[in-house]
Amino acid sequence: MATEPPSDVQWWNAGGVADLWLPTDQVSGSGAIIIVSAAGYNLSGFTVAWGEGASEQMDGPQHEITLNSFPNDGDWLTFEMEIGSWGELVLDRIEIRTASTIPFEAADLDGSGWVLRGDFGFSLGVADGGSLSATDAEIMGADVLISGTAVGQNSWFKRSGPVNVQGAQASLTWNGGGFDSTLDDHDVRADGVAALSFTGVTDSGGFVDLWERQIPAQVLHFPGSGAQFTLNGVGPDERTIPGISTAEGISNVPGDDGPTTRVVEIGQSDGSVWTESATIDSISWFTAWGTYTSDGISLPHSADVIVDFPLPAVSISQVDVEDEAPTLGRRASVTVTLANTGEVPANVPIECYDGGDRADISPTFPSAMVGADSEADVDLKWGHTGSGNSTLTCSPMLPTQLTRDGAFGGGSGDSSVVVWEVQQDAGMDPIVIALIVALVVGVLLVAGFASIQARESMVKAEEPED
């Protein structure tokens, strides 16, 4: 038990009122109620009413309500923010002044619409693998972190909230007793995996919930960049958030009030439980192979979420060269078989390599539409320079926006070893024959032309002169 637990209270009831029960059974005669703010705060912007009396505007570090008499048992102090005002109301204590002064720490008074303010008196930790057992006990003013096992029977956490329960091995099981006063709007704060069990417990009440589950910022991991999507039902406000994956293929799920934590479960003071059931909807991802869509994927509460939806998975199952001994100077016929083991079709271009160099193939970038869970063939021609052994290696050309290895398959395939051969001479080369024929024809043409010229000259020489 802390000797100096948190003792101040802060108004925490936007749009409503907060109240404190002030006991007066030990007071008689006339006097005053003195409301004192915590150091560094003031009462401005708020009103207070005693019992059924009229509201009074407060200002400065303290406010006095003068009374001619006090009720026999006590009454309510009701606090409310003035319309159009904004600020923090933090109370240190309430005093009753008659012939003497009776002080009450604000946190000692019963009421609703408040949370604790102040520093915990000590830390209480239950490590992973450790345990805590409490029976008819009271834990006062402790900063509690449970990573192991905590079991309580008719025991209380007072001014120790929220009790933090964090980790896959963490559990809090409480029967009877309960929680009284917290620094936040919930008595217990758990992560997404800790185990909680409550039977017959009393919480701080009012707007303070029994527990909240909060998870840190989440990262969605898509197969690649440019995937558009919409998150629906995010957080207690069940927000709708559009998004698109970055160049790294990721997108962050924002917190409730920024980039950090998000509430995904609330055990409310009335016994009901709200649990987030967010979904990743309207996924549309345009790629060079096609546009892939999905809807209604559940958003789990893990820190890193792998977003999976129907995609193709294409690899090369066979590279078949028709002639195992093709001739240099002529292209070999090749059939490349693509296998799609994915759930959707894809229009897949392929590329081929001849050793370490890009292969001389025609067409340069052949492609085929490959249906889901089926195969398709691509026919091409392969040219090669230099005799000897060679292997043609072909693979799908993956879209550039992919960031997840294996998202579209992509396995390559090799042909059997091909022996390229120089063409053997089988008689005179047709080109040489054509050149000789052309030469002979040319010679004959020249000879014929010369003969005609000589004949014409002889005729002229034989003609008589006049």
Protein backbone atom coordinates (compact mmCIF):
# COMPACT_ATOMS: atom_id res chain seq x y z
CA MET A 1 0.00 0.00 0.00
CA ALA A 2 1.38 3.37 -1.03
CA THR A 3 1.74 6.01 1.66
CA GLU A 4 0.97 8.71 -0.93
CA PRO A 5 -1.30 7.27 -3.64
CA PRO A 6 -2.80 9.49 -6.35
CA SER A 7 -5.18 11.84 -4.54
CA ASP A 8 -6.38 14.43 -7.09
CA VAL A 9 -9.33 13.95 -9.44
CA GLN A 10 -9.96 15.40 -12.91
CA TRP A 11 -13.35 16.16 -14.45
CA TRP A 12 -13.76 13.67 -17.31
CA ASN A 13 -17.28 13.78 -18.57
CA ALA A 14 -17.52 15.88 -21.73
CA GLY A 15 -21.10 16.88 -22.38
CA GLY A 16 -22.26 15.85 -18.90
CA VAL A 17 -21.80 16.49 -15.21
CA ALA A 18 -19.49 15.08 -12.58
CA ASP A 19 -20.37 14.82 -8.91
CA LEU A 20 -18.82 14.13 -5.52
CA TRP A 21 -20.62 13.03 -2.36
CA LEU A 22 -19.55 15.21 0.58
CA PRO A 23 -20.40 13.64 3.97
CA THR A 24 -21.56 16.14 6.63
CA ASP A 25 -22.73 13.80 9.39
CA GLN A 26 -20.02 15.14 11.70
CA VAL A 27 -20.79 18.81 10.96
CA SER A 28 -23.28 21.16 12.62
CA GLY A 29 -24.09 24.85 12.49
CA SER A 30 -23.21 27.25 9.70
CA GLY A 31 -20.02 27.29 7.70
CA ALA A 32 -18.59 26.96 4.22
CA ILE A 33 -17.48 24.41 1.68
CA ILE A 34 -14.10 25.24 0.14
CA ILE A 35 -13.26 23.66 -3.23
CA VAL A 36 -9.50 23.72 -3.88
CA SER A 37 -7.90 23.06 -7.28
CA ALA A 38 -4.69 21.10 -7.72
CA ALA A 39 -1.42 23.02 -8.02
CA GLY A 40 -0.99 24.48 -11.48
CA TYR A 41 -4.73 24.42 -12.25
CA ASN A 42 -7.70 26.68 -11.56
CA LEU A 43 -11.48 26.37 -11.41
CA SER A 44 -12.28 28.76 -14.26
CA GLY A 45 -14.80 27.67 -16.88
CA PHE A 46 -16.79 25.40 -14.55
CA THR A 47 -19.81 25.73 -12.27
CA VAL A 48 -20.69 23.93 -9.04
CA ALA A 49 -23.99 23.33 -7.25
CA TRP A 50 -24.54 22.09 -3.70
CA GLY A 51 -27.48 19.74 -3.39
CA GLU A 52 -30.58 21.29 -4.94
CA GLY A 53 -29.07 24.77 -4.90
CA ALA A 54 -28.31 26.98 -7.89
CA SER A 55 -25.10 26.57 -9.88
CA GLU A 56 -22.32 28.99 -9.02
CA GLN A 57 -19.57 30.09 -11.38
CA MET A 58 -16.09 29.20 -10.15
CA ASP A 59 -12.87 31.10 -10.77
CA GLY A 60 -9.29 31.04 -9.54
CA PRO A 61 -7.59 28.38 -7.42
CA GLN A 62 -10.46 27.90 -4.96
CA HIS A 63 -14.18 28.52 -4.56
CA GLU A 64 -16.28 28.98 -1.41
CA ILE A 65 -19.93 28.01 -0.90
CA THR A 66 -21.40 29.63 2.21
CA LEU A 67 -24.09 27.65 4.11
CA ASN A 68 -26.34 28.47 7.02
CA SER A 69 -26.60 24.82 7.90
CA PHE A 70 -25.47 21.38 6.76
CA PRO A 71 -27.62 18.30 6.12
CA ASN A 72 -27.45 15.48 8.63
CA ASP A 73 -25.74 12.98 6.34
CA GLY A 74 -24.33 14.85 3.34
CA ASP A 75 -25.15 15.91 -0.21
CA TRP A 76 -23.82 16.04 -3.75
CA LEU A 77 -21.47 18.61 -5.24
CA THR A 78 -22.29 18.76 -8.96
CA PHE A 79 -19.73 20.15 -11.41
CA GLU A 80 -20.38 21.14 -15.00
CA MET A 81 -18.39 22.88 -17.73
CA GLU A 82 -19.78 26.24 -18.82
CA ILE A 83 -21.13 26.44 -22.36
CA GLY A 84 -18.45 27.70 -24.72
CA SER A 85 -15.65 27.02 -22.23
CA TRP A 86 -12.80 24.58 -22.44
CA GLY A 87 -10.22 23.57 -19.88
CA GLU A 88 -9.23 21.05 -17.24
CA LEU A 89 -10.82 20.88 -13.82
CA VAL A 90 -8.47 19.10 -11.42
CA LEU A 91 -9.40 19.09 -7.72
CA ASP A 92 -6.97 18.62 -4.89
CA ARG A 93 -9.35 18.60 -1.92
CA ILE A 94 -12.69 19.71 -0.49
CA GLU A 95 -12.77 21.39 2.94
CA ILE A 96 -15.65 21.96 5.34
CA ARG A 97 -15.01 24.97 7.52
CA THR A 98 -17.01 25.64 10.64
CA ALA A 99 -15.37 26.28 13.97
CA SER A 100 -12.73 23.90 12.67
CA THR A 101 -11.66 22.64 9.24
CA ILE A 102 -12.35 19.12 7.99
CA PRO A 103 -10.33 18.31 4.82
CA PHE A 104 -11.23 15.57 2.34
CA GLU A 105 -8.84 14.41 -0.33
CA ALA A 106 -10.77 14.60 -3.59
CA ALA A 107 -9.95 10.97 -4.43
CA ASP A 108 -11.42 9.82 -1.08
CA LEU A 109 -14.89 11.04 -2.03
CA ASP A 110 -17.41 8.90 -3.86
CA GLY A 111 -18.72 10.18 -7.17
CA SER A 112 -18.77 9.74 -10.92
CA GLY A 113 -17.41 11.59 -13.93
CA TRP A 114 -13.83 11.73 -12.62
CA VAL A 115 -10.48 10.11 -13.18
CA LEU A 116 -7.49 10.09 -10.86
CA ARG A 117 -4.60 12.49 -11.17
CA GLY A 118 -1.24 12.16 -9.46
CA ASP A 119 1.71 9.81 -9.23
CA PHE A 120 1.57 6.21 -8.15
CA GLY A 121 3.26 5.45 -4.87
CA PHE A 122 5.08 2.30 -6.03
CA SER A 123 5.36 -0.21 -8.89
CA LEU A 124 3.93 -3.72 -8.75
CA GLY A 125 5.06 -6.07 -11.48
CA VAL A 126 4.23 -9.71 -12.20
CA ALA A 127 6.83 -10.94 -14.67
CA ASP A 128 6.26 -13.41 -17.49
CA GLY A 129 6.24 -16.81 -15.77
CA GLY A 130 5.55 -15.24 -12.36
CA SER A 131 2.31 -15.16 -10.38
CA LEU A 132 0.35 -13.10 -7.88
CA SER A 133 -2.39 -14.42 -5.60
CA ALA A 134 -4.57 -12.13 -3.46
CA THR A 135 -7.34 -13.06 -1.02
CA ASP A 136 -9.28 -10.41 0.94
CA ALA A 137 -6.48 -8.01 0.07
CA GLU A 138 -6.21 -4.36 -0.93
CA ILE A 139 -3.65 -2.94 -3.35
CA MET A 140 -3.52 0.84 -3.01
CA GLY A 141 -1.73 3.38 -5.20
CA ALA A 142 0.29 0.91 -7.28
CA ASP A 143 1.46 1.16 -10.87
CA VAL A 144 0.59 -2.41 -11.89
CA LEU A 145 1.98 -4.39 -14.84
CA ILE A 146 0.98 -8.04 -15.14
CA SER A 147 2.91 -10.13 -17.67
CA GLY A 148 2.41 -13.39 -15.76
CA THR A 149 -0.59 -14.73 -13.84
CA ALA A 150 -2.64 -12.77 -11.29
CA VAL A 151 -5.56 -14.30 -9.37
CA GLY A 152 -7.71 -12.46 -6.83
CA GLN A 153 -10.52 -13.41 -4.46
CA ASN A 154 -12.57 -10.63 -2.82
CA SER A 155 -9.64 -8.27 -3.27
CA TRP A 156 -9.38 -4.67 -4.46
CA PHE A 157 -7.19 -2.52 -6.65
CA LYS A 158 -7.67 1.01 -5.30
CA ARG A 159 -6.23 4.09 -6.98
CA SER A 160 -4.12 1.69 -9.04
CA GLY A 161 -5.85 1.85 -12.37
CA PRO A 162 -5.55 1.18 -15.07
CA VAL A 163 -4.11 -2.22 -14.22
CA ASN A 164 -1.96 -3.20 -17.22
CA VAL A 165 -2.12 -6.80 -18.47
CA GLN A 166 0.32 -7.34 -21.33
CA GLY A 167 1.65 -10.37 -23.20
CA ALA A 168 0.68 -13.75 -24.55
CA GLN A 169 1.36 -15.39 -21.15
CA ALA A 170 -0.44 -12.70 -19.15
CA SER A 171 -3.75 -13.35 -17.40
CA LEU A 172 -5.91 -11.58 -14.81
CA THR A 173 -8.60 -13.63 -13.06
CA TRP A 174 -10.63 -11.76 -10.41
CA ASN A 175 -13.56 -13.09 -8.39
CA GLY A 176 -15.35 -10.63 -6.10
CA GLY A 177 -13.82 -7.36 -4.94
CA GLY A 178 -12.89 -5.16 -7.86
CA PHE A 179 -11.47 -1.79 -8.83
CA ASP A 180 -11.83 1.67 -7.34
CA SER A 181 -10.44 4.77 -9.11
CA THR A 182 -8.27 4.92 -12.21
CA LEU A 183 -6.14 7.41 -14.11
CA ASP A 184 -8.05 6.69 -17.35
CA ASP A 185 -11.56 5.84 -18.47
CA HIS A 186 -11.05 2.13 -17.81
CA ASP A 187 -9.92 0.07 -14.81
CA VAL A 188 -7.94 -2.57 -16.73
CA ARG A 189 -5.86 -2.06 -19.87
CA ALA A 190 -4.99 -5.22 -21.79
CA ASP A 191 -3.25 -5.82 -25.08
CA GLY A 192 -4.69 -7.93 -27.87
CA VAL A 193 -3.58 -11.31 -26.50
CA ALA A 194 -3.73 -11.22 -22.68
CA ALA A 195 -6.45 -13.31 -20.97
CA LEU A 196 -9.08 -11.62 -18.77
CA SER A 197 -11.73 -13.20 -16.53
CA PHE A 198 -14.01 -11.35 -14.09
CA THR A 199 -16.76 -12.77 -11.89
CA GLY A 200 -18.83 -10.64 -9.54
CA VAL A 201 -16.41 -7.71 -9.54
CA THR A 202 -17.23 -4.05 -8.94
CA ASP A 203 -15.69 -1.45 -11.23
CA SER A 204 -15.15 2.26 -10.69
CA GLY A 205 -18.53 2.84 -12.32
CA GLY A 206 -20.01 5.74 -14.21
CA PHE A 207 -18.39 6.35 -17.57
CA VAL A 208 -15.32 4.29 -16.53
CA ASP A 209 -15.27 0.91 -18.28
CA LEU A 210 -14.11 -2.27 -16.59
CA TRP A 211 -11.52 -3.00 -19.27
CA GLU A 212 -10.15 -1.96 -22.64
CA ARG A 213 -8.03 -3.87 -25.08
CA GLN A 214 -5.57 -1.63 -26.87
CA ILE A 215 -3.20 -2.64 -29.63
CA PRO A 216 -0.22 -0.69 -30.99
CA ALA A 217 -0.08 0.71 -34.50
CA GLN A 218 -0.65 -2.00 -37.09
CA VAL A 219 1.13 -2.45 -40.40
CA LEU A 220 -0.70 -4.02 -43.34
CA HIS A 221 1.57 -5.93 -45.73
CA PHE A 222 0.26 -6.15 -49.30
CA PRO A 223 1.93 -8.13 -52.14
CA GLY A 224 3.13 -4.88 -53.70
CA SER A 225 2.69 -1.16 -54.15
CA GLY A 226 -0.38 0.67 -55.37
CA ALA A 227 -3.02 -1.63 -53.88
CA GLN A 228 -6.09 0.48 -53.10
CA PHE A 229 -8.44 -0.55 -50.28
CA THR A 230 -10.92 0.65 -47.66
CA LEU A 231 -10.92 -0.20 -43.94
CA ASN A 232 -14.40 -0.42 -42.42
CA GLY A 233 -15.43 -0.57 -38.76
CA VAL A 234 -12.12 0.63 -37.30
CA GLY A 235 -12.02 1.46 -33.58
CA PRO A 236 -14.88 2.32 -31.20
CA ASP A 237 -16.19 4.92 -33.66
CA GLU A 238 -16.20 2.22 -36.37
CA ARG A 239 -14.52 4.54 -38.84
CA THR A 240 -14.15 4.09 -42.59
CA ILE A 241 -10.57 4.73 -43.75
CA PRO A 242 -9.39 4.60 -47.40
CA GLY A 243 -5.79 3.61 -48.10
CA ILE A 244 -3.17 2.62 -50.66
CA SER A 245 -0.04 0.54 -50.20
CA THR A 246 3.30 2.35 -50.40
CA ALA A 247 6.32 1.58 -52.57
CA GLU A 248 7.28 -0.94 -49.87
CA GLY A 249 3.88 -2.61 -50.12
CA ILE A 250 2.73 -1.51 -46.66
CA SER A 251 0.07 0.71 -45.12
CA ASN A 252 -0.36 1.74 -41.48
CA VAL A 253 -3.67 1.46 -39.65
CA PRO A 254 -4.07 4.71 -37.69
CA GLY A 255 -4.82 4.80 -33.98
CA ASP A 256 -7.90 6.32 -32.38
CA ASP A 257 -6.32 9.75 -31.94
CA GLY A 258 -3.20 9.50 -34.07
CA PRO A 259 -0.69 6.95 -35.32
CA THR A 260 -0.30 5.00 -32.06
CA THR A 261 -2.74 2.76 -30.15
CA ARG A 262 -6.26 1.68 -31.06
CA VAL A 263 -9.02 0.33 -28.82
CA VAL A 264 -10.35 -2.98 -30.16
CA GLU A 265 -12.44 -4.20 -27.22
CA ILE A 266 -14.33 -2.56 -24.35
CA GLY A 267 -15.80 -4.34 -21.32
CA GLN A 268 -18.36 -1.72 -20.39
CA SER A 269 -19.55 -0.90 -16.90
CA ASP A 270 -23.06 -2.19 -17.69
CA GLY A 271 -21.68 -5.67 -18.39
CA SER A 272 -21.85 -5.50 -22.18
CA VAL A 273 -18.78 -6.08 -24.34
CA TRP A 274 -17.95 -4.31 -27.58
CA THR A 275 -15.40 -5.95 -29.88
CA GLU A 276 -14.04 -4.46 -33.08
CA SER A 277 -14.91 -6.42 -36.22
CA ALA A 278 -13.09 -4.33 -38.82
CA THR A 279 -12.64 -5.50 -42.40
CA ILE A 280 -10.36 -4.75 -45.35
CA ASP A 281 -12.71 -4.08 -48.25
CA SER A 282 -12.73 -2.93 -51.88
CA ILE A 283 -9.19 -4.11 -52.63
CA SER A 284 -8.21 -3.23 -56.20
CA TRP A 285 -4.67 -3.82 -57.41
CA PHE A 286 -3.73 -3.00 -61.01
CA THR A 287 -0.66 -4.84 -62.32
CA ALA A 288 0.89 -5.67 -65.68
CA TRP A 289 -0.60 -9.16 -65.39
CA GLY A 290 -4.13 -7.95 -64.65
CA THR A 291 -6.24 -6.22 -62.00
CA TYR A 292 -6.92 -8.23 -58.86
CA THR A 293 -9.71 -7.51 -56.39
CA SER A 294 -11.12 -8.75 -53.11
CA ASP A 295 -13.59 -7.78 -50.40
CA GLY A 296 -14.48 -8.53 -46.79
CA ILE A 297 -11.11 -9.65 -45.42
CA SER A 298 -11.15 -9.65 -41.61
CA LEU A 299 -8.67 -7.28 -39.95
CA PRO A 300 -6.99 -9.24 -37.11
CA HIS A 301 -5.41 -7.57 -34.09
CA SER A 302 -1.80 -8.64 -34.68
CA ALA A 303 0.90 -5.99 -35.13
CA ASP A 304 1.79 -7.15 -38.66
CA VAL A 305 -1.05 -8.21 -40.92
CA ILE A 306 -0.31 -10.14 -44.12
CA VAL A 307 -3.07 -9.20 -46.56
CA ASP A 308 -3.83 -12.21 -48.75
CA PHE A 309 -6.35 -12.23 -51.59
CA PRO A 310 -6.76 -14.24 -54.82
CA LEU A 311 -3.67 -13.91 -57.04
CA PRO A 312 -2.06 -15.88 -59.87
CA ALA A 313 0.99 -18.04 -59.21
CA VAL A 314 2.78 -18.68 -62.51
CA SER A 315 5.97 -20.63 -63.17
CA ILE A 316 7.64 -22.25 -66.17
CA SER A 317 6.91 -25.97 -66.17
CA GLN A 318 8.71 -26.89 -69.42
CA VAL A 319 11.02 -25.43 -72.09
CA ASP A 320 10.97 -27.76 -75.11
CA VAL A 321 13.41 -27.22 -78.02
CA GLU A 322 12.22 -29.25 -81.01
CA ASP A 323 15.69 -29.97 -82.44
CA GLU A 324 18.35 -31.00 -79.94
CA ALA A 325 21.05 -30.30 -82.54
CA PRO A 326 20.01 -27.11 -84.33
CA THR A 327 22.11 -25.49 -87.01
CA LEU A 328 23.85 -22.15 -86.63
CA GLY A 329 22.30 -19.54 -88.84
CA ARG A 330 18.85 -20.99 -88.43
CA ARG A 331 16.41 -20.41 -85.52
CA ALA A 332 15.25 -23.32 -83.42
CA SER A 333 11.55 -23.75 -82.63
CA VAL A 334 10.80 -23.65 -78.90
CA THR A 335 7.61 -24.25 -76.88
CA VAL A 336 7.52 -22.78 -73.37
CA THR A 337 4.79 -24.10 -71.06
CA LEU A 338 3.50 -21.85 -68.26
CA ALA A 339 1.64 -23.31 -65.27
CA ASN A 340 -0.69 -21.18 -63.11
CA THR A 341 -1.43 -22.74 -59.73
CA GLY A 342 -3.12 -19.56 -58.49
CA GLU A 343 -6.78 -18.69 -58.09
CA VAL A 344 -7.13 -16.16 -60.91
CA PRO A 345 -5.93 -15.87 -64.54
CA ALA A 346 -3.00 -13.77 -65.66
CA ASN A 347 -1.64 -12.36 -68.91
CA VAL A 348 2.03 -13.30 -68.49
CA PRO A 349 4.99 -12.13 -70.61
CA ILE A 350 8.16 -14.20 -70.45
CA GLU A 351 11.85 -13.54 -70.93
CA CYS A 352 14.61 -16.01 -71.82
CA TYR A 353 18.36 -16.18 -71.29
CA ASP A 354 21.02 -17.99 -73.24
CA GLY A 355 23.67 -18.56 -70.62
CA GLY A 356 24.24 -15.23 -68.90
CA ASP A 357 22.95 -13.14 -71.79
CA ARG A 358 19.45 -12.31 -72.89
CA ALA A 359 18.51 -14.84 -75.54
CA ASP A 360 17.93 -13.96 -79.19
CA ILE A 361 14.27 -14.96 -79.39
CA SER A 362 11.38 -13.96 -81.60
CA PRO A 363 9.04 -12.43 -80.60
CA THR A 364 11.20 -10.50 -78.16
CA PHE A 365 8.69 -10.60 -75.28
CA PRO A 366 6.16 -13.34 -75.99
CA SER A 367 3.19 -13.72 -73.65
CA ALA A 368 0.19 -15.92 -72.94
CA MET A 369 -3.06 -15.75 -70.99
CA VAL A 370 -2.91 -18.49 -68.36
CA GLY A 371 -6.15 -19.44 -66.65
CA ALA A 372 -6.45 -20.26 -62.97
CA ASP A 373 -5.14 -23.74 -62.16
CA SER A 374 -4.21 -24.39 -65.80
CA GLU A 375 -1.36 -24.28 -68.33
CA ALA A 376 -0.64 -22.37 -71.54
CA ASP A 377 2.04 -22.68 -74.25
CA VAL A 378 4.15 -19.95 -75.79
CA ASP A 379 5.81 -20.64 -79.16
CA LEU A 380 8.99 -18.79 -80.08
CA LYS A 381 12.11 -18.98 -82.25
CA TRP A 382 15.58 -19.11 -80.76
CA GLY A 383 18.74 -18.00 -82.50
CA HIS A 384 22.30 -18.63 -81.32
CA THR A 385 25.87 -17.73 -82.28
CA GLY A 386 28.76 -20.08 -81.76
CA SER A 387 28.76 -23.85 -81.89
CA GLY A 388 28.59 -26.07 -78.85
CA ASN A 389 26.32 -26.77 -75.88
CA SER A 390 23.71 -24.28 -74.76
CA THR A 391 20.63 -24.14 -72.52
CA LEU A 392 17.65 -21.80 -72.84
CA THR A 393 16.30 -20.55 -69.49
CA CYS A 394 12.89 -18.86 -69.46
CA SER A 395 10.94 -17.20 -66.65
CA PRO A 396 7.82 -15.05 -66.18
CA MET A 397 8.45 -11.30 -66.27
CA LEU A 398 7.13 -10.20 -62.86
CA PRO A 399 5.34 -6.84 -62.43
CA THR A 400 7.68 -4.19 -61.06
CA GLN A 401 5.41 -3.24 -58.13
CA LEU A 402 5.78 -6.63 -56.43
CA THR A 403 7.37 -6.45 -52.98
CA ARG A 404 6.53 -9.88 -51.57
CA ASP A 405 8.74 -12.73 -52.74
CA GLY A 406 6.78 -15.44 -54.49
CA ALA A 407 3.54 -13.45 -54.58
CA PHE A 408 3.04 -14.24 -58.28
CA GLY A 409 5.05 -17.46 -58.37
CA GLY A 410 7.83 -16.75 -60.83
CA GLY A 411 9.74 -20.02 -61.02
CA SER A 412 11.98 -20.38 -64.11
CA GLY A 413 12.52 -23.40 -66.34
CA ASP A 414 15.45 -24.74 -68.39
CA SER A 415 15.54 -26.54 -71.68
CA SER A 416 17.58 -29.67 -72.12
CA VAL A 417 21.14 -29.14 -73.34
CA VAL A 418 21.16 -28.20 -77.02
CA VAL A 419 24.23 -28.77 -79.24
CA TRP A 420 24.46 -26.06 -81.88
CA GLU A 421 26.27 -27.28 -85.01
CA VAL A 422 27.86 -25.63 -88.02
CA GLN A 423 26.02 -26.54 -91.24
CA GLN A 424 27.86 -29.33 -93.14
CA ASP A 425 28.74 -28.77 -96.93
CA ALA A 426 26.42 -30.86 -99.15
CA GLY A 427 27.62 -29.66 -102.58
CA MET A 428 28.17 -26.13 -103.70
CA ASP A 429 26.50 -23.47 -101.66
CA PRO A 430 23.35 -22.18 -103.43
CA ILE A 431 24.58 -18.62 -103.06
CA VAL A 432 27.85 -19.45 -104.79
CA ILE A 433 25.93 -21.19 -107.58
CA ALA A 434 23.74 -18.14 -108.00
CA LEU A 435 26.81 -15.89 -108.22
CA ILE A 436 28.41 -18.13 -110.87
CA VAL A 437 25.21 -18.21 -112.91
CA ALA A 438 24.97 -14.45 -112.72
CA LEU A 439 28.61 -14.14 -113.78
CA VAL A 440 28.14 -16.50 -116.76
CA VAL A 441 25.02 -14.67 -117.86
CA GLY A 442 26.87 -11.41 -117.60
CA VAL A 443 29.77 -12.71 -119.67
CA LEU A 444 27.41 -14.05 -122.33
CA LEU A 445 25.58 -10.74 -122.47
CA VAL A 446 28.83 -8.84 -122.91
CA ALA A 447 30.03 -11.29 -125.59
CA GLY A 448 26.74 -11.06 -127.45
CA PHE A 449 26.78 -7.29 -127.35
CA ALA A 450 30.39 -7.25 -128.67
CA SER A 451 29.46 -9.63 -131.53
CA ILE A 452 26.57 -7.40 -132.61
CA GLN A 453 28.83 -4.36 -132.59
CA ALA A 454 31.46 -6.16 -134.74
CA ARG A 455 28.86 -7.31 -137.28
CA GLU A 456 27.49 -3.77 -137.67
CA SER A 457 31.03 -2.50 -138.31
CA MET A 458 31.64 -5.10 -141.05
CA VAL A 459 28.41 -4.21 -142.82
CA LYS A 460 29.37 -0.56 -142.93
CA ALA A 461 32.80 -1.45 -144.33
CA GLU A 462 31.33 -3.47 -147.26
CA GLU A 463 28.94 -0.76 -148.46
CA PRO A 464 30.18 0.88 -151.91
CA GLU A 465 31.23 4.44 -151.95
CA ASP A 466 29.28 6.88 -154.11
